[in-house]
Protein backbone atom coordinates (compact mmCIF):
# COMPACT_ATOMS: atom_id res chain seq x y z
CA MET A 1 18.58 8.12 -3.53
CA ARG A 2 20.61 5.50 -2.26
CA LEU A 3 19.74 5.58 1.69
CA GLU A 4 23.23 3.24 4.01
CA HIS A 5 22.14 1.05 6.60
CA GLY A 6 21.19 2.71 8.62
CA ARG A 7 19.31 4.91 7.54
CA ARG A 8 17.54 1.25 6.11
CA ALA A 9 17.20 -0.38 9.27
CA SER A 10 15.75 2.82 10.83
CA LEU A 11 13.30 3.79 7.51
CA ALA A 12 12.13 -0.20 8.12
CA LEU A 13 11.74 0.34 11.55
CA THR A 14 9.65 3.65 11.00
CA LEU A 15 6.65 2.07 9.09
CA ASN A 16 6.69 -0.81 10.74
CA PHE A 17 5.53 1.10 13.55
CA VAL A 18 3.09 3.41 11.65
CA ALA A 19 1.10 0.41 10.18
CA PHE A 20 1.31 -1.66 14.13
CA ALA A 21 -0.46 2.15 15.62
CA PHE A 22 -2.25 2.37 11.83
CA ALA A 23 -3.93 -1.46 12.74
CA LEU A 24 -4.48 -1.42 16.23
CA SER A 25 -6.51 1.44 15.56
CA ALA A 26 -7.68 0.06 13.18
CA VAL A 27 -8.50 -2.83 15.22
CA THR A 28 -9.90 -1.29 18.49
CA THR A 29 -12.81 0.80 16.66
CA SER A 30 -15.77 0.55 14.81
CA TYR A 31 -15.76 2.90 12.03
CA TRP A 32 -15.17 0.46 8.95
CA CYS A 33 -18.38 1.67 7.57
CA GLU A 34 -21.07 4.23 8.77
CA GLY A 35 -24.44 5.08 6.80
CA THR A 36 -28.04 5.57 7.52
CA ARG A 37 -31.18 3.71 8.11
CA LYS A 38 -34.37 4.83 7.30
CA VAL A 39 -36.79 3.82 10.41
CA ALA A 40 -40.14 4.81 11.56
CA LYS A 41 -40.66 7.92 13.91
CA PRO A 42 -41.46 6.66 17.77
CA PHE A 43 -44.29 7.99 19.49
CA CYS A 44 -43.11 11.05 21.73
CA THR A 45 -43.95 10.16 26.15
CA GLY A 46 -43.62 12.41 29.61
CA PRO A 47 -45.16 14.89 28.88
CA PRO A 48 -45.80 17.43 26.21
CA LEU A 49 -43.44 19.91 25.37
CA LYS A 50 -44.21 23.63 24.01
CA VAL A 51 -41.09 22.70 21.82
CA LYS A 52 -41.83 20.06 19.11
CA GLN A 53 -39.89 16.56 19.34
CA TRP A 54 -38.72 16.25 16.16
CA PHE A 55 -38.02 13.06 16.32
CA CYS A 56 -40.41 11.88 17.40
CA ILE A 57 -45.28 11.35 16.71
CA ARG A 58 -46.94 13.32 19.44
CA PHE A 59 -51.08 12.44 19.57
CA ASN A 60 -53.53 15.01 19.23
CA SER A 61 -55.00 13.74 23.04
CA SER A 62 -53.97 14.22 26.22
CA ASN A 63 -54.35 11.15 27.60
CA ILE A 64 -53.10 8.35 26.19
CA ASN A 65 -53.89 5.72 28.03
CA ASP A 66 -57.17 5.78 26.86
CA THR A 67 -58.02 3.97 23.95
CA ARG A 68 -61.32 5.26 23.23
CA LEU A 69 -59.59 8.50 21.62
CA VAL A 70 -59.23 8.81 18.20
CA GLN A 71 -55.21 9.73 17.91
CA TYR A 72 -54.86 11.78 15.26
CA ILE A 73 -50.79 12.15 13.90
CA PHE A 74 -50.08 15.40 11.54
CA GLU A 75 -46.65 13.23 10.70
CA THR A 76 -47.55 12.62 6.70
CA GLY A 77 -45.32 10.86 4.41
CA GLU A 78 -41.60 11.45 4.47
CA GLU A 79 -41.95 13.06 8.00
CA LYS A 80 -42.71 9.55 9.90
CA PHE A 81 -39.28 8.92 9.52
CA LEU A 82 -35.98 9.29 10.60
CA LEU A 83 -32.50 8.54 8.96
CA ARG A 84 -30.38 7.15 11.87
CA LYS A 85 -26.84 6.91 11.24
CA PHE A 86 -24.64 3.52 12.40
CA HIS A 87 -21.15 2.82 12.59
CA THR A 88 -20.23 -0.63 11.76
CA GLY A 89 -16.47 -2.44 13.36
CA ILE A 90 -15.68 -5.68 13.38
CA PHE A 91 -16.01 -5.97 16.51
CA PHE A 92 -19.46 -3.58 17.03
CA SER A 93 -22.50 -2.24 15.74
CA CYS A 94 -23.81 1.30 16.72
CA GLU A 95 -26.42 2.89 15.75
CA GLN A 96 -28.10 6.28 17.00
CA ALA A 97 -30.85 5.82 20.38
CA ALA A 98 -34.65 6.55 19.89
CA ASP A 99 -34.21 10.52 20.68
CA MET A 100 -31.08 10.88 18.51
CA ASN A 101 -28.60 12.15 21.91
CA GLY A 102 -26.18 8.75 21.49
CA PHE A 103 -25.64 5.58 20.65
CA ASP A 104 -26.35 2.17 20.97
CA CYS A 105 -24.16 -0.37 20.35
CA ARG A 106 -24.46 -4.25 19.79
CA ASP A 107 -22.04 -7.85 18.56
CA PHE A 108 -21.52 -7.30 15.01
CA SER A 109 -21.57 -11.64 15.17
CA GLU A 110 -25.56 -10.94 16.04
CA ILE A 111 -25.80 -8.60 13.21
CA ALA A 112 -23.17 -11.30 10.50
CA PRO A 113 -26.20 -14.10 8.53
CA GLU A 114 -25.68 -17.06 10.85
CA HIS A 115 -24.06 -19.24 7.76
CA GLU A 116 -21.72 -16.52 7.59
CA ARG A 117 -20.61 -15.94 10.85
CA GLY A 118 -17.82 -18.56 10.96
CA VAL A 119 -16.03 -15.69 8.17
CA LEU A 120 -16.35 -13.74 10.25
CA TRP A 121 -14.78 -15.46 13.02
CA LEU A 122 -12.01 -15.60 10.34
CA CYS A 123 -11.24 -12.31 9.70
CA ILE A 124 -11.17 -11.54 14.12
CA VAL A 125 -8.30 -14.80 13.95
CA ALA A 126 -6.99 -13.09 10.46
CA GLU A 127 -6.77 -9.21 12.25
CA THR A 128 -4.74 -10.95 15.39
CA LEU A 129 -1.90 -12.79 13.07
CA TYR A 130 -2.37 -9.62 11.84
CA LEU A 131 -1.16 -7.70 15.13
CA THR A 132 1.37 -10.34 16.23
CA LEU A 133 3.46 -10.96 13.19
CA LEU A 134 3.77 -6.82 12.53
CA PHE A 135 4.82 -6.49 16.09
CA THR A 136 7.01 -9.43 15.98
CA GLY A 137 8.70 -7.99 13.51
CA GLY A 138 9.38 -5.16 14.97
CA ALA A 139 10.85 -6.22 17.79
CA LEU A 140 13.61 -8.34 15.51
CA MET A 141 14.10 -5.07 13.92
CA THR A 142 14.96 -3.44 17.21
CA LEU A 143 17.07 -6.03 18.26
CA GLU A 144 18.64 -5.13 14.99
CA GLN A 145 19.99 -1.79 16.45
CA CYS A 146 21.43 -3.40 19.62
CA PRO A 147 25.59 -2.80 19.10
CA CYS A 148 26.03 -5.87 21.07
CA PHE A 149 25.51 -8.57 18.00
CA SER A 150 27.55 -9.28 15.09
CA ILE A 151 27.35 -8.76 11.76
CA MET A 152 26.50 -12.13 10.60
CA ASN A 153 23.42 -12.44 14.08
CA LYS A 154 22.10 -9.06 12.54
CA LEU A 155 21.33 -10.50 9.18
CA LYS A 156 20.09 -13.58 10.01
CA LEU A 157 17.41 -10.67 12.27
CA SER A 158 16.86 -8.27 8.90
CA ALA A 159 15.41 -11.42 7.63
CA PHE A 160 13.26 -13.27 10.31
CA ALA A 161 12.24 -9.58 10.83
CA ALA A 162 11.42 -8.50 6.90
CA LEU A 163 9.60 -12.44 6.56
CA CYS A 164 7.39 -11.93 9.97
CA THR A 165 6.31 -8.10 8.19
CA ALA A 166 5.37 -9.66 5.18
CA LEU A 167 3.49 -12.61 6.28
CA SER A 168 1.68 -9.87 8.71
CA GLY A 169 0.86 -7.32 5.38
CA LEU A 170 -0.70 -10.74 4.04
CA CYS A 171 -2.68 -11.85 6.61
CA GLY A 172 -4.08 -8.08 6.90
CA MET A 173 -4.71 -8.47 3.12
CA VAL A 174 -6.83 -11.05 3.79
CA ALA A 175 -8.89 -10.41 6.87
CA HIS A 176 -10.04 -6.40 5.36
CA MET A 177 -11.13 -8.64 2.10
CA MET A 178 -13.21 -11.03 4.27
CA PHE A 179 -14.65 -8.28 6.45
CA THR A 180 -15.23 -6.61 3.55
CA THR A 181 -17.47 -9.57 2.47
CA ILE A 182 -19.33 -10.52 5.74
CA PHE A 183 -20.25 -6.76 5.89
CA GLN A 184 -22.10 -6.88 2.80
CA LEU A 185 -23.60 -9.65 3.41
CA ALA A 186 -24.68 -8.16 6.31
CA VAL A 187 -26.24 -5.16 4.53
CA ALA A 188 -28.44 -7.98 2.22
CA MET A 189 -29.56 -10.61 4.24
CA GLY A 190 -28.69 -9.08 7.62
CA PRO A 191 -32.17 -8.42 9.76
CA GLU A 192 -34.89 -6.23 9.17
CA ASP A 193 -33.87 -3.91 12.26
CA TRP A 194 -30.72 -3.50 10.93
CA ARG A 195 -30.24 -2.94 7.35
CA PRO A 196 -28.79 0.61 5.87
CA LYS A 197 -30.71 2.36 3.22
CA THR A 198 -27.00 4.08 2.56
CA TRP A 199 -23.56 3.28 3.65
CA ASP A 200 -19.81 4.33 3.02
CA TYR A 201 -16.40 3.16 4.23
CA SER A 202 -15.32 4.86 7.00
CA TRP A 203 -11.81 5.85 8.32
CA SER A 204 -11.18 3.40 10.69
CA TYR A 205 -11.61 1.07 7.01
CA VAL A 206 -8.83 3.41 5.59
CA LEU A 207 -6.65 3.06 8.11
CA ALA A 208 -6.67 -0.69 7.93
CA TRP A 209 -5.13 -0.43 4.11
CA GLY A 210 -2.77 2.22 4.96
CA SER A 211 -0.95 0.09 7.80
CA PHE A 212 -1.24 -2.31 4.65
CA GLY A 213 0.76 -0.25 2.63
CA THR A 214 2.97 0.93 5.31
CA CYS A 215 3.65 -3.25 6.88
CA MET A 216 4.10 -3.84 2.91
CA GLY A 217 6.61 -0.94 2.43
CA SER A 218 8.69 -1.96 6.07
CA ALA A 219 8.68 -5.49 4.60
CA VAL A 220 10.31 -4.48 1.27
CA THR A 221 12.54 -2.09 2.78
CA ALA A 222 14.23 -4.70 5.80
CA LEU A 223 14.41 -7.16 2.18
CA ASN A 224 16.07 -4.96 0.43
CA ARG A 225 18.99 -4.25 3.14
CA TYR A 226 19.44 -8.15 3.41
CA THR A 227 19.25 -8.03 -0.13
CA LYS A 228 21.88 -5.32 -0.82
CA THR A 229 23.83 -6.60 2.06
CA ILE A 230 24.45 -10.48 0.88
CA ILE A 231 25.83 -9.38 -2.78
CA GLU A 232 28.11 -5.81 -1.32
CA PHE A 233 29.51 -9.27 1.01
CA LYS A 234 29.37 -11.33 -1.75
CA TYR A 235 31.28 -8.90 -4.36
CA LYS A 236 33.81 -7.64 -1.44
CA ARG A 237 34.56 -12.29 -1.65
CA ARG A 238 34.91 -11.94 -5.13
CA ASN A 239 37.74 -9.01 -4.61
CA ILE A 240 39.80 -10.84 -2.56
CA GLU A 241 39.84 -14.77 -4.11
CA LYS A 242 40.95 -13.00 -7.23
CA SER A 243 43.53 -11.05 -5.78
CA LEU A 244 45.29 -14.16 -3.08
CA MET A 245 44.66 -16.45 -6.77
CA ILE A 246 46.07 -13.43 -8.17
CA LYS A 247 48.98 -13.50 -5.34
CA GLN A 248 49.59 -17.16 -5.65
CA LYS A 249 50.69 -17.34 -9.36
CA MET A 250 52.98 -14.52 -8.51
CA MET A 251 54.69 -16.47 -5.99
CA GLU A 252 54.61 -19.68 -8.27
CA LEU A 253 55.93 -18.41 -11.09
CA ASP A 254 59.38 -16.53 -8.06
CA LEU A 255 58.37 -13.28 -8.74
CA PRO A 256 59.62 -10.75 -5.75
CA GLU A 257 57.40 -9.40 -3.38
CA GLN A 258 57.76 -6.12 -4.74
CA MET A 259 56.05 -7.20 -7.14
CA TRP A 260 53.05 -7.63 -5.01
CA ASP A 261 52.89 -4.50 -3.81
CA MET A 262 53.21 -2.85 -6.34
CA TYR A 263 49.95 -4.37 -7.48
CA LEU A 264 48.35 -3.64 -3.65
CA THR A 265 49.16 0.43 -4.51
CA ALA A 266 48.59 0.90 -7.60
CA VAL A 267 45.29 -0.87 -8.44
CA PRO A 268 42.47 1.01 -6.61
CA ALA A 269 40.21 -1.70 -5.04
CA ASP A 270 36.95 -2.21 -6.63
CA THR A 271 39.16 -2.08 -9.97
CA GLU A 272 39.72 -5.50 -11.69
CA ALA A 273 41.66 -4.27 -14.66
CA PRO A 274 44.95 -7.44 -14.12
CA LEU A 275 48.14 -5.82 -13.55
CA GLU A 276 50.59 -4.96 -16.37
CA LEU A 277 54.39 -6.39 -15.68
CA PRO A 278 57.42 -4.39 -17.22
CA ALA A 279 58.79 -5.90 -20.18
CA ASN A 280 61.84 -5.01 -21.52
CA GLY A 281 63.02 -2.97 -18.59
CA HIS A 282 60.33 -0.27 -19.55
CA LYS A 283 56.56 0.29 -17.66
CA PRO A 284 53.28 1.15 -19.01
CA SER A 285 53.28 4.41 -20.72
CA THR A 286 49.72 5.13 -19.11
CA GLY A 287 50.28 4.61 -14.85
CA THR A 288 48.19 1.00 -15.48
CA THR A 289 49.12 -1.97 -14.22
CA TYR A 290 47.86 -5.22 -15.68
CA VAL A 291 49.11 -8.70 -15.35
CA VAL A 292 50.40 -11.03 -17.80
CA GLU A 293 47.80 -13.55 -18.77
CA MET A 294 49.32 -17.10 -17.63
CA ASP A 295 47.61 -19.54 -20.26
CA SER A 296 50.07 -17.41 -22.83
CA ALA A 297 52.90 -19.13 -24.55
CA PRO A 298 56.00 -19.81 -21.70
CA GLU A 299 58.84 -18.76 -23.85
CA GLN A 300 56.98 -15.72 -24.16
CA GLN A 301 56.82 -15.35 -20.85
CA GLY A 302 60.52 -15.41 -20.68
CA GLU A 303 61.18 -12.56 -22.85
CA ALA A 304 58.49 -10.81 -20.35
CA TYR A 305 60.29 -11.14 -17.69
CA CYS A 306 64.01 -10.57 -19.15
């Protein structure tokens, strides 16, 4: 679909804002990956309840401080274990509490392998650059909409906006891939009290890659608009130069000024057909005007203009 310049600029700006909102939501949340951990049930504390507490193990003793009493545990097999849910982001990793109510969070840098924490910090730096460049591109696109700038200044702003947005998309892609790498290393070599049994990517991860896609769409739209405007300028300049060249050749042949006026009114601005002058007092039958080749023989030109 062919869009006008204003609509192209609005589309690029809208995609930029959507990408920034998705990226900010993804970075500030801890749902990039989620899954479950298999842990042994803790011992129940506090007075016995009438309802069995399924998330902990109750002793067959009324006095748990008396070590002389035999402690019987009725849970066997898989009943001795819990599947705690967890979710992880760039900054935090949260796991369900022992009583399965709420989440306990800790820094993801404590979970990442010590010799691979540099990759995590590079990921954080790349995400920061991604947000900064994306915001800069959106700000330049907003300034481009201001009517106080000339056409050339708007073109420069559009070019810089497309460049910043494209660079931000590359930084975002590198950051997302780095986080994927560091998380998989943490799953394989992380602390024993964190390693998950099952895990998968979550909605923040989808938002992050959705932000990358809309960011690149914004960059392509802005660059396409800039390129299309430059091509139109070059096309109009070529037509003007060709018209001036024809007029100069007519003036060199001492043709009357009415010939130039007839050329301007008879030929549309977007056509490239040359002007055909009346030969031997007869006008062309087609109604279109053509220009005689200037490199033809002088005697032929003389016959044409008699």
